[in-house]
Amino acid sequence: MKRDVVEQALKRCEGLDDLFERLSQVSDNMLIFNAGFVLGLQGRDIKTVLAGGTQMAALLLLINSVVNLMEVPSAATTSPSVRPNGSLKTPIRTSGAP
């Protein structure tokens, strides 16, 4: 069943080049909101904890995609969870999580 859901979602994204168009077809609005929220905290001395398992892992991947799309220089990203070309393991490891 999960495979069918993923395949249907991928079909909905065929031919869509824009990240936000693809997200509008398959994503939870919570992901888009929280990506903007986390990116809006950049440059501020505010610690943020993302809790929620796989949904927050998806959020970190989305944030990395937005940062790469917008070509945000690495100096502008103070949170370890928002590093261009970073993998999911990078933010988890650098944040001190086990």
N, C-alpha and C. Protein backbone atom coordinates (compact mmCIF):
# COMPACT_ATOMS: atom_id res chain seq x y z
N MET A 1 0.82 -1.19 0.00
CA MET A 1 0.00 0.00 0.00
C MET A 1 0.86 1.26 0.00
N LYS A 2 1.92 1.28 0.84
CA LYS A 2 2.79 2.46 0.88
C LYS A 2 3.42 2.72 -0.48
N ARG A 3 3.84 1.65 -1.14
CA ARG A 3 4.45 1.79 -2.46
C ARG A 3 3.46 2.42 -3.44
N ASP A 4 2.21 2.00 -3.39
CA ASP A 4 1.18 2.55 -4.28
C ASP A 4 0.99 4.04 -4.03
N VAL A 5 0.98 4.44 -2.76
CA VAL A 5 0.81 5.85 -2.41
C VAL A 5 1.97 6.68 -2.95
N VAL A 6 3.19 6.17 -2.78
CA VAL A 6 4.37 6.89 -3.27
C VAL A 6 4.34 6.99 -4.78
N GLU A 7 3.99 5.91 -5.46
CA GLU A 7 3.92 5.93 -6.92
C GLU A 7 2.88 6.92 -7.42
N GLN A 8 1.72 6.98 -6.76
CA GLN A 8 0.69 7.94 -7.14
C GLN A 8 1.17 9.37 -6.93
N ALA A 9 1.88 9.61 -5.82
CA ALA A 9 2.40 10.95 -5.55
C ALA A 9 3.44 11.35 -6.60
N LEU A 10 4.32 10.43 -6.96
CA LEU A 10 5.33 10.74 -7.98
C LEU A 10 4.69 11.03 -9.33
N LYS A 11 3.62 10.33 -9.67
CA LYS A 11 2.91 10.60 -10.93
C LYS A 11 2.32 12.00 -10.93
N ARG A 12 1.84 12.45 -9.78
CA ARG A 12 1.25 13.80 -9.68
C ARG A 12 2.31 14.88 -9.91
N CYS A 13 3.58 14.55 -9.68
CA CYS A 13 4.66 15.52 -9.81
C CYS A 13 5.33 15.50 -11.18
N GLU A 14 4.96 14.55 -12.03
CA GLU A 14 5.57 14.47 -13.35
C GLU A 14 5.38 15.77 -14.11
N GLY A 15 6.47 16.27 -14.68
CA GLY A 15 6.41 17.49 -15.48
C GLY A 15 6.47 18.77 -14.68
N LEU A 16 6.50 18.66 -13.36
CA LEU A 16 6.59 19.86 -12.53
C LEU A 16 8.04 20.09 -12.14
N ASP A 17 8.59 21.22 -12.57
CA ASP A 17 9.99 21.51 -12.28
C ASP A 17 10.15 22.33 -11.00
N ASP A 18 9.16 23.11 -10.65
CA ASP A 18 9.25 24.01 -9.50
C ASP A 18 9.03 23.24 -8.20
N LEU A 19 9.94 23.43 -7.25
CA LEU A 19 9.85 22.75 -5.96
C LEU A 19 8.50 23.00 -5.28
N PHE A 20 8.05 24.23 -5.29
CA PHE A 20 6.82 24.56 -4.58
C PHE A 20 5.58 24.03 -5.31
N GLU A 21 5.64 23.92 -6.62
CA GLU A 21 4.54 23.27 -7.35
C GLU A 21 4.45 21.80 -6.96
N ARG A 22 5.60 21.14 -6.89
CA ARG A 22 5.60 19.73 -6.48
C ARG A 22 5.08 19.58 -5.07
N LEU A 23 5.53 20.46 -4.17
CA LEU A 23 5.06 20.39 -2.78
C LEU A 23 3.56 20.60 -2.69
N SER A 24 3.02 21.48 -3.53
CA SER A 24 1.58 21.73 -3.47
C SER A 24 0.78 20.49 -3.87
N GLN A 25 1.40 19.59 -4.61
CA GLN A 25 0.71 18.37 -5.04
C GLN A 25 0.78 17.24 -4.02
N VAL A 26 1.85 17.17 -3.24
CA VAL A 26 2.06 15.98 -2.43
C VAL A 26 2.39 16.23 -0.96
N SER A 27 2.58 17.46 -0.57
CA SER A 27 3.08 17.70 0.79
C SER A 27 1.99 18.14 1.75
N ASP A 28 2.32 18.00 3.01
CA ASP A 28 1.49 18.50 4.09
C ASP A 28 1.84 19.98 4.27
N ASN A 29 0.85 20.84 4.38
CA ASN A 29 1.12 22.28 4.56
C ASN A 29 1.98 22.55 5.79
N MET A 30 1.93 21.66 6.77
CA MET A 30 2.75 21.82 7.96
C MET A 30 4.23 21.88 7.60
N LEU A 31 4.64 21.06 6.63
CA LEU A 31 6.04 21.05 6.22
C LEU A 31 6.47 22.39 5.64
N ILE A 32 5.65 22.95 4.78
CA ILE A 32 5.97 24.23 4.16
C ILE A 32 6.01 25.33 5.21
N PHE A 33 5.02 25.35 6.11
CA PHE A 33 5.00 26.35 7.18
C PHE A 33 6.25 26.26 8.04
N ASN A 34 6.56 25.05 8.50
CA ASN A 34 7.70 24.89 9.41
C ASN A 34 9.03 25.14 8.72
N ALA A 35 9.14 24.85 7.44
CA ALA A 35 10.37 25.19 6.72
C ALA A 35 10.57 26.70 6.73
N GLY A 36 9.51 27.44 6.46
CA GLY A 36 9.59 28.91 6.51
C GLY A 36 9.91 29.41 7.91
N PHE A 37 9.32 28.76 8.90
CA PHE A 37 9.56 29.14 10.29
C PHE A 37 11.04 28.96 10.65
N VAL A 38 11.59 27.79 10.34
CA VAL A 38 12.99 27.50 10.67
C VAL A 38 13.92 28.42 9.89
N LEU A 39 13.65 28.61 8.61
CA LEU A 39 14.49 29.50 7.81
C LEU A 39 14.40 30.93 8.31
N GLY A 40 13.25 31.32 8.82
CA GLY A 40 13.08 32.66 9.37
C GLY A 40 13.86 32.90 10.66
N LEU A 41 14.26 31.83 11.32
CA LEU A 41 15.04 31.95 12.55
C LEU A 41 16.53 32.15 12.29
N GLN A 42 16.93 32.06 11.04
CA GLN A 42 18.35 32.17 10.72
C GLN A 42 18.89 33.55 11.14
N GLY A 43 20.08 33.54 11.68
CA GLY A 43 20.71 34.79 12.11
C GLY A 43 20.26 35.25 13.48
N ARG A 44 19.43 34.47 14.14
CA ARG A 44 18.96 34.82 15.49
C ARG A 44 19.51 33.79 16.46
N ASP A 45 19.67 34.19 17.68
CA ASP A 45 20.18 33.28 18.70
C ASP A 45 19.02 32.57 19.38
N ILE A 46 18.31 31.77 18.60
CA ILE A 46 17.14 31.04 19.09
C ILE A 46 17.36 29.56 18.81
N LYS A 47 17.37 28.75 19.85
CA LYS A 47 17.53 27.31 19.67
C LYS A 47 16.16 26.71 19.37
N THR A 48 16.16 25.76 18.45
CA THR A 48 14.91 25.13 18.03
C THR A 48 15.06 23.62 18.06
N VAL A 49 14.07 22.94 18.60
CA VAL A 49 14.05 21.49 18.62
C VAL A 49 12.92 21.03 17.71
N LEU A 50 13.26 20.16 16.77
CA LEU A 50 12.25 19.58 15.90
C LEU A 50 11.98 18.17 16.39
N ALA A 51 10.75 17.91 16.77
CA ALA A 51 10.39 16.58 17.28
C ALA A 51 9.25 16.04 16.43
N GLY A 52 9.29 14.78 16.12
CA GLY A 52 8.21 14.20 15.36
C GLY A 52 8.63 13.09 14.43
N GLY A 53 9.84 12.66 14.54
CA GLY A 53 10.29 11.50 13.77
C GLY A 53 10.40 11.75 12.29
N THR A 54 9.76 10.89 11.50
CA THR A 54 9.94 10.94 10.05
C THR A 54 9.42 12.24 9.45
N GLN A 55 8.40 12.84 10.04
CA GLN A 55 7.89 14.10 9.51
C GLN A 55 8.93 15.21 9.65
N MET A 56 9.66 15.23 10.76
CA MET A 56 10.69 16.24 10.93
C MET A 56 11.92 15.92 10.08
N ALA A 57 12.17 14.65 9.81
CA ALA A 57 13.24 14.29 8.88
C ALA A 57 12.89 14.83 7.49
N ALA A 58 11.63 14.69 7.10
CA ALA A 58 11.18 15.25 5.82
C ALA A 58 11.32 16.76 5.82
N LEU A 59 11.05 17.39 6.95
CA LEU A 59 11.20 18.84 7.07
C LEU A 59 12.65 19.26 6.84
N LEU A 60 13.60 18.54 7.43
CA LEU A 60 15.01 18.87 7.24
C LEU A 60 15.41 18.73 5.77
N LEU A 61 14.92 17.70 5.11
CA LEU A 61 15.21 17.53 3.69
C LEU A 61 14.61 18.67 2.87
N LEU A 62 13.39 19.08 3.23
CA LEU A 62 12.75 20.20 2.53
C LEU A 62 13.55 21.49 2.74
N ILE A 63 13.98 21.75 3.96
CA ILE A 63 14.77 22.95 4.25
C ILE A 63 16.05 22.95 3.42
N ASN A 64 16.74 21.81 3.38
CA ASN A 64 17.95 21.72 2.57
C ASN A 64 17.65 21.99 1.10
N SER A 65 16.52 21.51 0.60
CA SER A 65 16.15 21.75 -0.80
C SER A 65 15.89 23.23 -1.05
N VAL A 66 15.19 23.89 -0.13
CA VAL A 66 14.91 25.32 -0.28
C VAL A 66 16.21 26.11 -0.25
N VAL A 67 17.10 25.77 0.69
CA VAL A 67 18.38 26.48 0.79
C VAL A 67 19.17 26.31 -0.50
N ASN A 68 19.22 25.09 -1.03
CA ASN A 68 19.94 24.85 -2.28
C ASN A 68 19.30 25.59 -3.44
N LEU A 69 17.97 25.60 -3.49
CA LEU A 69 17.25 26.29 -4.56
C LEU A 69 17.52 27.79 -4.53
N MET A 70 17.53 28.35 -3.34
CA MET A 70 17.72 29.80 -3.18
C MET A 70 19.19 30.19 -3.16
N GLU A 71 20.08 29.19 -3.19
CA GLU A 71 21.52 29.43 -3.17
C GLU A 71 21.92 30.32 -1.99
N VAL A 72 21.42 29.97 -0.81
CA VAL A 72 21.75 30.71 0.40
C VAL A 72 23.21 30.41 0.73
N PRO A 73 24.04 31.45 0.89
CA PRO A 73 25.44 31.19 1.25
C PRO A 73 25.55 30.53 2.61
N SER A 74 26.53 29.67 2.78
CA SER A 74 26.65 28.93 4.04
C SER A 74 26.84 29.86 5.22
N ALA A 75 27.42 31.03 5.04
CA ALA A 75 27.61 31.96 6.14
C ALA A 75 26.27 32.48 6.68
N ALA A 76 25.24 32.42 5.86
CA ALA A 76 23.92 32.92 6.28
C ALA A 76 23.11 31.87 7.01
N THR A 77 23.60 30.66 7.06
CA THR A 77 22.85 29.59 7.71
C THR A 77 23.55 29.21 9.00
N THR A 78 22.97 29.60 10.11
CA THR A 78 23.60 29.37 11.39
C THR A 78 23.18 28.06 12.03
N SER A 79 22.05 27.53 11.64
CA SER A 79 21.57 26.29 12.23
C SER A 79 22.21 25.10 11.54
N PRO A 80 22.69 24.12 12.28
CA PRO A 80 23.29 22.95 11.63
C PRO A 80 22.30 22.19 10.79
N SER A 81 20.99 22.40 10.99
CA SER A 81 20.00 21.67 10.21
C SER A 81 19.77 22.31 8.84
N VAL A 82 20.41 23.44 8.58
CA VAL A 82 20.21 24.14 7.32
C VAL A 82 21.57 24.39 6.68
N ARG A 83 22.13 23.35 6.12
CA ARG A 83 23.42 23.49 5.46
C ARG A 83 23.27 23.03 4.02
N PRO A 84 23.63 23.90 3.06
CA PRO A 84 23.52 23.50 1.66
C PRO A 84 24.33 22.23 1.41
N ASN A 85 23.74 21.35 0.62
CA ASN A 85 24.36 20.07 0.24
C ASN A 85 24.59 19.15 1.43
N GLY A 86 23.99 19.44 2.59
CA GLY A 86 24.13 18.57 3.75
C GLY A 86 23.16 17.42 3.67
N SER A 87 23.54 16.32 4.23
CA SER A 87 22.64 15.18 4.28
C SER A 87 21.87 15.22 5.59
N LEU A 88 20.90 14.34 5.71
CA LEU A 88 20.13 14.27 6.94
C LEU A 88 21.03 13.91 8.11
N LYS A 89 22.04 13.07 7.89
CA LYS A 89 22.94 12.67 8.98
C LYS A 89 23.74 13.85 9.50
N THR A 90 24.09 14.78 8.65
CA THR A 90 24.89 15.93 9.07
C THR A 90 24.19 16.75 10.15
N PRO A 91 22.91 17.18 9.93
CA PRO A 91 22.30 17.99 10.98
C PRO A 91 22.08 17.23 12.28
N ILE A 92 21.77 15.95 12.19
CA ILE A 92 21.55 15.19 13.41
C ILE A 92 22.85 15.05 14.18
N ARG A 93 23.91 14.71 13.49
CA ARG A 93 25.20 14.52 14.16
C ARG A 93 25.72 15.84 14.73
N THR A 94 25.63 16.93 13.98
CA THR A 94 26.20 18.18 14.46
C THR A 94 25.35 18.83 15.55
N SER A 95 24.12 18.40 15.71
CA SER A 95 23.28 19.00 16.74
C SER A 95 23.50 18.34 18.09
N GLY A 96 24.30 17.28 18.12
CA GLY A 96 24.56 16.61 19.39
C GLY A 96 23.58 15.49 19.71
N ALA A 97 22.66 15.21 18.79
CA ALA A 97 21.71 14.12 19.02
C ALA A 97 22.43 12.79 18.91
N PRO A 98 22.00 11.77 19.67
CA PRO A 98 22.66 10.46 19.59
C PRO A 98 22.47 9.80 18.25
